[in-house]
Amino acid sequence: QVQFVESGGGLVQPGGSLRLSCGTSGGVFSTFGDYRMAWYRQAPGKQRELVASIDSVGQSNYADSVKGRFTISRDNPKKTVYLEMNSLKLEDTAVYYCNFPIPVNNYWGQGTRVTVSS
């Protein structure tokens, strides 16, 4: 069964940076480059929200809360999507996930936890 696998989270101070990665397990997207991809996050006590998305040609969109601080990118030969996070704020603390912009429930991975704390 295909799942997305997220990594790269950790504990960081406000103003710091992290780079998250998202790959796949349990199957292969032979045409990974054709798929739009997205990063989501779920903060404690809140609903999961869309953070950023990227299409097959690299055009991206961002939630207002992260615009100018986060950058989504992709490496199609590696079937990997990245989220570069800079100028992190306390409110960026969450578990981060990747999926399609219209998410497939069975593909959710375990996520990677990002904690921003001084």
C-alpha atoms as a PDB file:
ATOM      1  CA  GLN A   1       0.000   0.000   0.000  1.00  0.00           C
ATOM      2  CA  VAL A   2       1.370   3.350  -0.978  1.00  0.00           C
ATOM      3  CA  GLN A   3       1.999   5.864   1.739  1.00  0.00           C
ATOM      4  CA  PHE A   4       3.847   9.128   1.898  1.00  0.00           C
ATOM      5  CA  VAL A   5       6.825   9.245   4.256  1.00  0.00           C
ATOM      6  CA  GLU A   6       7.758  12.544   5.838  1.00  0.00           C
ATOM      7  CA  SER A   7      11.032  13.382   7.565  1.00  0.00           C
ATOM      8  CA  GLY A   8      13.174  16.287   8.683  1.00  0.00           C
ATOM      9  CA  GLY A   9      11.204  17.639  11.601  1.00  0.00           C
ATOM     10  CA  GLY A  10      12.667  18.548  14.954  1.00  0.00           C
ATOM     11  CA  LEU A  11      13.002  21.141  17.662  1.00  0.00           C
ATOM     12  CA  VAL A  12      14.042  24.595  16.539  1.00  0.00           C
ATOM     13  CA  GLN A  13      14.147  28.043  18.096  1.00  0.00           C
ATOM     14  CA  PRO A  14      12.008  30.897  16.792  1.00  0.00           C
ATOM     15  CA  GLY A  15      13.641  32.371  13.716  1.00  0.00           C
ATOM     16  CA  GLY A  16      15.292  29.087  12.848  1.00  0.00           C
ATOM     17  CA  SER A  17      15.000  26.903   9.762  1.00  0.00           C
ATOM     18  CA  LEU A  18      14.159  23.334   8.862  1.00  0.00           C
ATOM     19  CA  ARG A  19      13.888  21.395   5.633  1.00  0.00           C
ATOM     20  CA  LEU A  20      11.236  18.702   5.429  1.00  0.00           C
ATOM     21  CA  SER A  21      11.242  15.861   2.905  1.00  0.00           C
ATOM     22  CA  CYS A  22       8.415  13.697   1.597  1.00  0.00           C
ATOM     23  CA  GLY A  23       8.937  10.438  -0.246  1.00  0.00           C
ATOM     24  CA  THR A  24       6.837   7.361  -0.851  1.00  0.00           C
ATOM     25  CA  SER A  25       6.794   3.788   0.402  1.00  0.00           C
ATOM     26  CA  GLY A  26       4.919   0.656  -0.489  1.00  0.00           C
ATOM     27  CA  GLY A  27       4.653   1.511  -4.162  1.00  0.00           C
ATOM     28  CA  VAL A  28       5.991   3.585  -6.945  1.00  0.00           C
ATOM     29  CA  PHE A  29       4.454   6.520  -8.708  1.00  0.00           C
ATOM     30  CA  SER A  30       5.825   5.857 -12.143  1.00  0.00           C
ATOM     31  CA  THR A  31       4.743   9.304 -13.250  1.00  0.00           C
ATOM     32  CA  PHE A  32       5.423  11.163 -10.003  1.00  0.00           C
ATOM     33  CA  GLY A  33       6.267  14.298 -11.905  1.00  0.00           C
ATOM     34  CA  ASP A  34       2.741  14.502 -13.256  1.00  0.00           C
ATOM     35  CA  TYR A  35       1.192  14.792  -9.799  1.00  0.00           C
ATOM     36  CA  ARG A  36       0.525  17.995  -7.954  1.00  0.00           C
ATOM     37  CA  MET A  37       1.752  17.637  -4.377  1.00  0.00           C
ATOM     38  CA  ALA A  38       1.054  19.455  -1.149  1.00  0.00           C
ATOM     39  CA  TRP A  39       2.234  19.896   2.397  1.00  0.00           C
ATOM     40  CA  TYR A  40      -0.224  20.041   5.283  1.00  0.00           C
ATOM     41  CA  ARG A  41       0.133  20.588   8.997  1.00  0.00           C
ATOM     42  CA  GLN A  42      -1.914  19.870  12.066  1.00  0.00           C
ATOM     43  CA  ALA A  43      -1.268  21.854  15.196  1.00  0.00           C
ATOM     44  CA  PRO A  44      -2.389  20.574  18.606  1.00  0.00           C
ATOM     45  CA  GLY A  45      -6.131  20.936  18.969  1.00  0.00           C
ATOM     46  CA  LYS A  46      -6.605  22.215  15.428  1.00  0.00           C
ATOM     47  CA  GLN A  47      -7.706  20.789  12.112  1.00  0.00           C
ATOM     48  CA  ARG A  48      -5.227  19.812   9.458  1.00  0.00           C
ATOM     49  CA  GLU A  49      -4.570  22.685   7.076  1.00  0.00           C
ATOM     50  CA  LEU A  50      -3.009  23.024   3.647  1.00  0.00           C
ATOM     51  CA  VAL A  51       0.313  24.846   3.842  1.00  0.00           C
ATOM     52  CA  ALA A  52       1.710  24.739   0.319  1.00  0.00           C
ATOM     53  CA  SER A  53       1.224  23.009  -3.008  1.00  0.00           C
ATOM     54  CA  ILE A  54       3.259  22.566  -6.163  1.00  0.00           C
ATOM     55  CA  ASP A  55       2.242  21.504  -9.637  1.00  0.00           C
ATOM     56  CA  SER A  56       4.070  19.417 -12.186  1.00  0.00           C
ATOM     57  CA  VAL A  57       5.987  22.379 -13.598  1.00  0.00           C
ATOM     58  CA  GLY A  58       6.991  23.788 -10.229  1.00  0.00           C
ATOM     59  CA  GLN A  59       4.403  26.500  -9.790  1.00  0.00           C
ATOM     60  CA  SER A  60       3.563  26.841  -6.128  1.00  0.00           C
ATOM     61  CA  ASN A  61       0.928  28.261  -3.828  1.00  0.00           C
ATOM     62  CA  TYR A  62       1.098  29.014  -0.132  1.00  0.00           C
ATOM     63  CA  ALA A  63      -1.158  29.680   2.798  1.00  0.00           C
ATOM     64  CA  ASP A  64      -1.011  33.324   3.822  1.00  0.00           C
ATOM     65  CA  SER A  65       0.442  32.347   7.181  1.00  0.00           C
ATOM     66  CA  VAL A  66       3.615  30.934   5.593  1.00  0.00           C
ATOM     67  CA  LYS A  67       3.958  33.026   2.447  1.00  0.00           C
ATOM     68  CA  GLY A  68       7.443  34.491   2.155  1.00  0.00           C
ATOM     69  CA  ARG A  69       8.866  32.109   4.764  1.00  0.00           C
ATOM     70  CA  PHE A  70       8.248  28.617   3.359  1.00  0.00           C
ATOM     71  CA  THR A  71       9.279  27.240  -0.024  1.00  0.00           C
ATOM     72  CA  ILE A  72       7.951  24.050  -1.564  1.00  0.00           C
ATOM     73  CA  SER A  73      10.016  22.271  -4.198  1.00  0.00           C
ATOM     74  CA  ARG A  74      10.271  18.868  -5.807  1.00  0.00           C
ATOM     75  CA  ASP A  75      12.828  16.475  -7.258  1.00  0.00           C
ATOM     76  CA  ASN A  76      10.925  14.290  -9.696  1.00  0.00           C
ATOM     77  CA  PRO A  77      13.675  11.706 -10.403  1.00  0.00           C
ATOM     78  CA  LYS A  78      13.902  11.164  -6.632  1.00  0.00           C
ATOM     79  CA  LYS A  79      10.093  11.236  -6.267  1.00  0.00           C
ATOM     80  CA  THR A  80      10.544  13.633  -3.369  1.00  0.00           C
ATOM     81  CA  VAL A  81       8.891  16.879  -2.319  1.00  0.00           C
ATOM     82  CA  TYR A  82      10.556  19.334   0.044  1.00  0.00           C
ATOM     83  CA  LEU A  83       9.398  22.108   2.323  1.00  0.00           C
ATOM     84  CA  GLU A  84      12.035  24.659   3.233  1.00  0.00           C
ATOM     85  CA  MET A  85      10.886  26.543   6.323  1.00  0.00           C
ATOM     86  CA  ASN A  86      12.614  29.744   7.387  1.00  0.00           C
ATOM     87  CA  SER A  87      11.919  32.376  10.033  1.00  0.00           C
ATOM     88  CA  LEU A  88       9.971  29.809  12.006  1.00  0.00           C
ATOM     89  CA  LYS A  89       7.441  31.041  14.512  1.00  0.00           C
ATOM     90  CA  LEU A  90       5.934  29.470  17.597  1.00  0.00           C
ATOM     91  CA  GLU A  91       2.677  29.039  15.700  1.00  0.00           C
ATOM     92  CA  ASP A  92       4.403  26.851  13.104  1.00  0.00           C
ATOM     93  CA  THR A  93       4.552  24.091  15.698  1.00  0.00           C
ATOM     94  CA  ALA A  94       2.645  21.150  14.230  1.00  0.00           C
ATOM     95  CA  VAL A  95       2.905  17.728  12.674  1.00  0.00           C
ATOM     96  CA  TYR A  96       3.598  18.160   8.962  1.00  0.00           C
ATOM     97  CA  TYR A  97       2.281  15.796   6.316  1.00  0.00           C
ATOM     98  CA  CYS A  98       2.338  15.534   2.554  1.00  0.00           C
ATOM     99  CA  ASN A  99      -0.351  14.286   0.226  1.00  0.00           C
ATOM    100  CA  PHE A 100      -2.072  15.384  -2.948  1.00  0.00           C
ATOM    101  CA  PRO A 101      -3.849  18.776  -2.924  1.00  0.00           C
ATOM    102  CA  ILE A 102      -7.048  16.725  -2.872  1.00  0.00           C
ATOM    103  CA  PRO A 103      -5.771  14.290  -0.263  1.00  0.00           C
ATOM    104  CA  VAL A 104      -6.198  10.535  -0.464  1.00  0.00           C
ATOM    105  CA  ASN A 105      -6.992   9.225   2.999  1.00  0.00           C
ATOM    106  CA  ASN A 106      -5.123   5.946   2.592  1.00  0.00           C
ATOM    107  CA  TYR A 107      -1.935   7.757   1.640  1.00  0.00           C
ATOM    108  CA  TRP A 108      -1.454   9.782   4.836  1.00  0.00           C
ATOM    109  CA  GLY A 109       1.841   8.978   6.490  1.00  0.00           C
ATOM    110  CA  GLN A 110       2.886   9.401  10.099  1.00  0.00           C
ATOM    111  CA  GLY A 111       3.985  12.962   9.533  1.00  0.00           C
ATOM    112  CA  THR A 112       7.033  14.701  10.929  1.00  0.00           C
ATOM    113  CA  ARG A 113       6.808  16.824  14.056  1.00  0.00           C
ATOM    114  CA  VAL A 114       8.077  20.385  14.061  1.00  0.00           C
ATOM    115  CA  THR A 115       8.376  22.108  17.406  1.00  0.00           C
ATOM    116  CA  VAL A 116       9.302  25.777  17.542  1.00  0.00           C
ATOM    117  CA  SER A 117      10.246  26.745  21.044  1.00  0.00           C
ATOM    118  CA  SER A 118      12.711  28.934  22.867  1.00  0.00           C
END
